[in-house]
Amino acid sequence: MTWTVVHLVAVGEVDNPHRLAPGWHMGFPLTETGVAHAQRIAALLSDHDVVYLSASPLSHARDTAQIFSRVLGLPIGVDEGLLEVGDMDEGQRQRRIARKEPSADVYSRLMDAVERAHLEADGHEAVLITHPQALGIARRHLGGRGPLVSIVFDGERIAHVV
């Protein structure tokens, strides 16, 4: 069988003192902690066989992906399936929108993005940059801990999650 690994990574921490949903146009920059987080995980994956990199279209996800791109030497794809929960409610307080999009819907679109990455990276590894709440939903369904969830495929089926 062919093993493929898809790594889900949360965006780096952003400077968002009012905890607003970043949305499409808010442009919150990564904090020093957020940059260090992305650099640490990218370095961890630098000796892996990563051939595909994709991110949510939001600016802080793309900023996080840029760090991975530099370390891994890969172009960045964009996948709307990696968006945060209730993302279209830009500028609202996060706790007000956290459950506007059912977690089953978030999980479904996130797993669609995982499957696209699985096909792109067949026999290799992929990195997907998503958002904290979306990653939390994936963890609840799949397992895994920490800032990185690695889904290991044996052919077409999920063999295990780390």
Foldseek 3Di string as FASTA:
>chain_A
DFKEKEKEFEFFAFDDVQQWQAAAPNPTEHDPRRQVVLLVVLVVCLPFQAAAAEEANHPSRVVSSVSNCVSNVYDYHHANLQEAQQRNRGGHHCVVRNPVDPLVNNQVSVVVVVVVSCVVQTRGYYYYYHHDSSVVSVCVVANDDDRMKMFMDDVPDGPHID
